Amino acid sequence: MIRDLYSQGLNISKIAEKTGFDRKTVRKYLQLKTLPEPQKRPGRKSKLDPYKPYIPEKLNEGPYTAARLYREIKEMGFDGGKTIVKDFIKEVRPKHGVPAILHYETKPGVQAQVDWGELGTIEVDGKIKNSFAST
């Protein structure tokens, strides 16, 4: 990319401005005959690594929420945050075919469901009010 820009007639300062590299870096890469291979950084260990086999195992047993699994591994000694657990579960859950939503079935009269929606606005006593409906 740097050589392409240089061959298009851009000077080192313009290339540095366009690429975000320092001018010295641009000059260094223009002087090299071959570009160096990008170096891969070693992966960092995650606080969740010791618990990663446990989570899919529990997900296979039944419908577990991320909050519940977080509490369980916290009791086992995990000292990380909730977000890392939720993100890992998002990755793993579809692979294991566990639904992300739990459906609760209860006996008649124990639970009610309501659909709620906004209808718009109406004028009442000269004031505009929002109108809602439920079914």
Protein backbone atom coordinates (compact mmCIF):
# COMPACT_ATOMS: atom_id res chain seq x y z
CA MET A 1 0.00 0.00 0.00
CA ILE A 2 2.81 2.42 0.90
CA ARG A 3 4.67 1.60 -2.30
CA ASP A 4 1.46 1.98 -4.33
CA LEU A 5 0.91 5.46 -2.92
CA TYR A 6 4.56 6.35 -3.54
CA SER A 7 4.33 5.13 -7.15
CA GLN A 8 1.25 7.35 -7.59
CA GLY A 9 3.47 10.33 -6.85
CA LEU A 10 2.63 11.00 -3.20
CA ASN A 11 5.51 12.15 -1.04
CA ILE A 12 6.42 10.58 2.31
CA SER A 13 4.56 13.20 4.35
CA LYS A 14 1.33 12.70 2.37
CA ILE A 15 1.65 8.91 2.64
CA ALA A 16 2.18 9.21 6.40
CA GLU A 17 -0.87 11.46 6.69
CA LYS A 18 -3.01 9.12 4.60
CA THR A 19 -1.95 5.86 6.31
CA GLY A 20 -1.52 7.10 9.87
CA PHE A 21 2.09 5.86 10.01
CA ASP A 22 4.95 8.04 11.14
CA ARG A 23 7.09 9.53 8.33
CA LYS A 24 10.12 7.54 9.54
CA THR A 25 8.11 4.32 9.32
CA VAL A 26 6.99 5.14 5.77
CA ARG A 27 10.58 5.90 4.77
CA LYS A 28 11.79 2.64 6.37
CA TYR A 29 9.26 0.53 4.44
CA LEU A 30 10.05 2.29 1.17
CA GLN A 31 13.75 1.47 1.63
CA LEU A 32 13.16 -2.24 2.39
CA LYS A 33 13.35 -4.62 -0.58
CA THR A 34 10.79 -7.01 0.91
CA LEU A 35 8.22 -6.24 3.54
CA PRO A 36 8.46 -8.15 6.82
CA GLU A 37 5.82 -10.74 7.64
CA PRO A 38 3.36 -9.54 10.26
CA GLN A 39 4.13 -11.13 13.61
CA LYS A 40 1.37 -12.93 15.41
CA ARG A 41 0.93 -12.08 19.04
CA PRO A 42 0.54 -14.95 21.46
CA GLY A 43 -3.03 -15.30 22.69
CA ARG A 44 -3.76 -14.24 26.23
CA LYS A 45 -5.25 -16.65 28.70
CA SER A 46 -8.78 -15.91 29.74
CA LYS A 47 -10.04 -16.04 33.31
CA LEU A 48 -12.85 -18.17 31.88
CA ASP A 49 -10.54 -20.85 30.38
CA PRO A 50 -10.76 -23.27 33.34
CA TYR A 51 -14.58 -23.11 33.21
CA LYS A 52 -15.07 -23.34 29.42
CA PRO A 53 -15.64 -27.13 29.39
CA TYR A 54 -18.15 -26.85 32.25
CA ILE A 55 -20.44 -24.30 30.56
CA PRO A 56 -21.36 -26.31 27.40
CA GLU A 57 -21.80 -29.37 29.60
CA LYS A 58 -24.38 -27.53 31.72
CA LEU A 59 -26.07 -26.09 28.62
CA ASN A 60 -26.53 -29.64 27.32
CA GLU A 61 -28.19 -30.68 30.58
CA GLY A 62 -30.99 -28.16 30.33
CA PRO A 63 -31.99 -24.56 29.80
CA TYR A 64 -29.57 -22.48 31.86
CA THR A 65 -29.43 -18.70 31.77
CA ALA A 66 -26.13 -16.86 31.61
CA ALA A 67 -26.83 -15.34 35.03
CA ARG A 68 -27.33 -18.77 36.58
CA LEU A 69 -24.16 -20.18 35.03
CA TYR A 70 -22.26 -17.08 36.14
CA ARG A 71 -23.41 -17.65 39.74
CA GLU A 72 -22.41 -21.32 39.58
CA ILE A 73 -18.89 -20.72 38.29
CA LYS A 74 -18.50 -17.79 40.69
CA GLU A 75 -19.13 -20.28 43.52
CA MET A 76 -16.47 -22.52 41.95
CA GLY A 77 -13.87 -19.73 42.19
CA PHE A 78 -14.29 -17.71 38.99
CA ASP A 79 -13.27 -14.10 39.61
CA GLY A 80 -14.12 -12.58 36.22
CA GLY A 81 -17.08 -10.47 35.17
CA LYS A 82 -20.56 -11.30 33.87
CA THR A 83 -19.87 -9.97 30.36
CA ILE A 84 -17.17 -12.52 29.54
CA VAL A 85 -19.53 -15.31 30.60
CA LYS A 86 -22.46 -13.90 28.57
CA ASP A 87 -20.26 -13.46 25.48
CA PHE A 88 -18.95 -17.04 25.72
CA ILE A 89 -22.47 -18.41 26.15
CA LYS A 90 -23.62 -16.49 23.05
CA GLU A 91 -20.88 -18.28 21.09
CA VAL A 92 -21.56 -21.72 22.54
CA ARG A 93 -25.35 -21.80 22.86
CA PRO A 94 -26.24 -22.04 19.13
CA LYS A 95 -23.72 -24.87 18.67
CA HIS A 96 -25.44 -26.87 21.37
CA GLY A 97 -28.97 -26.18 20.19
CA VAL A 98 -30.08 -24.73 23.49
CA PRO A 99 -32.73 -22.03 23.05
CA ALA A 100 -31.83 -18.56 24.30
CA ILE A 101 -35.38 -17.98 25.59
CA LEU A 102 -37.09 -19.98 28.29
CA HIS A 103 -40.82 -20.59 27.93
CA TYR A 104 -42.77 -21.10 31.12
CA GLU A 105 -45.93 -23.18 31.19
CA THR A 106 -48.29 -22.74 34.12
CA LYS A 107 -51.74 -23.95 35.04
CA PRO A 108 -54.71 -21.78 33.99
CA GLY A 109 -55.25 -18.81 36.29
CA VAL A 110 -51.69 -18.76 37.61
CA GLN A 111 -50.16 -16.53 34.96
CA ALA A 112 -51.46 -13.93 32.52
CA GLN A 113 -50.09 -12.60 29.26
CA VAL A 114 -50.83 -9.16 27.91
CA ASP A 115 -49.98 -7.53 24.61
CA TRP A 116 -49.47 -3.80 24.92
CA GLY A 117 -49.30 -1.23 22.16
CA GLU A 118 -49.37 2.48 21.48
CA LEU A 119 -52.32 3.63 19.37
CA GLY A 120 -51.29 7.24 18.89
CA THR A 121 -52.39 10.53 20.42
CA ILE A 122 -55.81 11.97 21.23
CA GLU A 123 -56.98 15.35 22.49
CA VAL A 124 -58.59 15.36 25.95
CA ASP A 125 -59.72 18.66 27.51
CA GLY A 126 -57.51 20.57 25.09
CA LYS A 127 -54.41 18.54 25.95
CA ILE A 128 -52.68 15.96 23.75
CA LYS A 129 -52.49 12.56 25.46
CA ASN A 130 -50.88 9.31 24.36
CA SER A 131 -53.32 6.48 23.77
CA PHE A 132 -52.44 2.86 24.59
CA ALA A 133 -54.29 -0.43 24.34
CA SER A 134 -53.86 -3.89 25.80
CA THR A 135 -55.37 -7.22 24.82
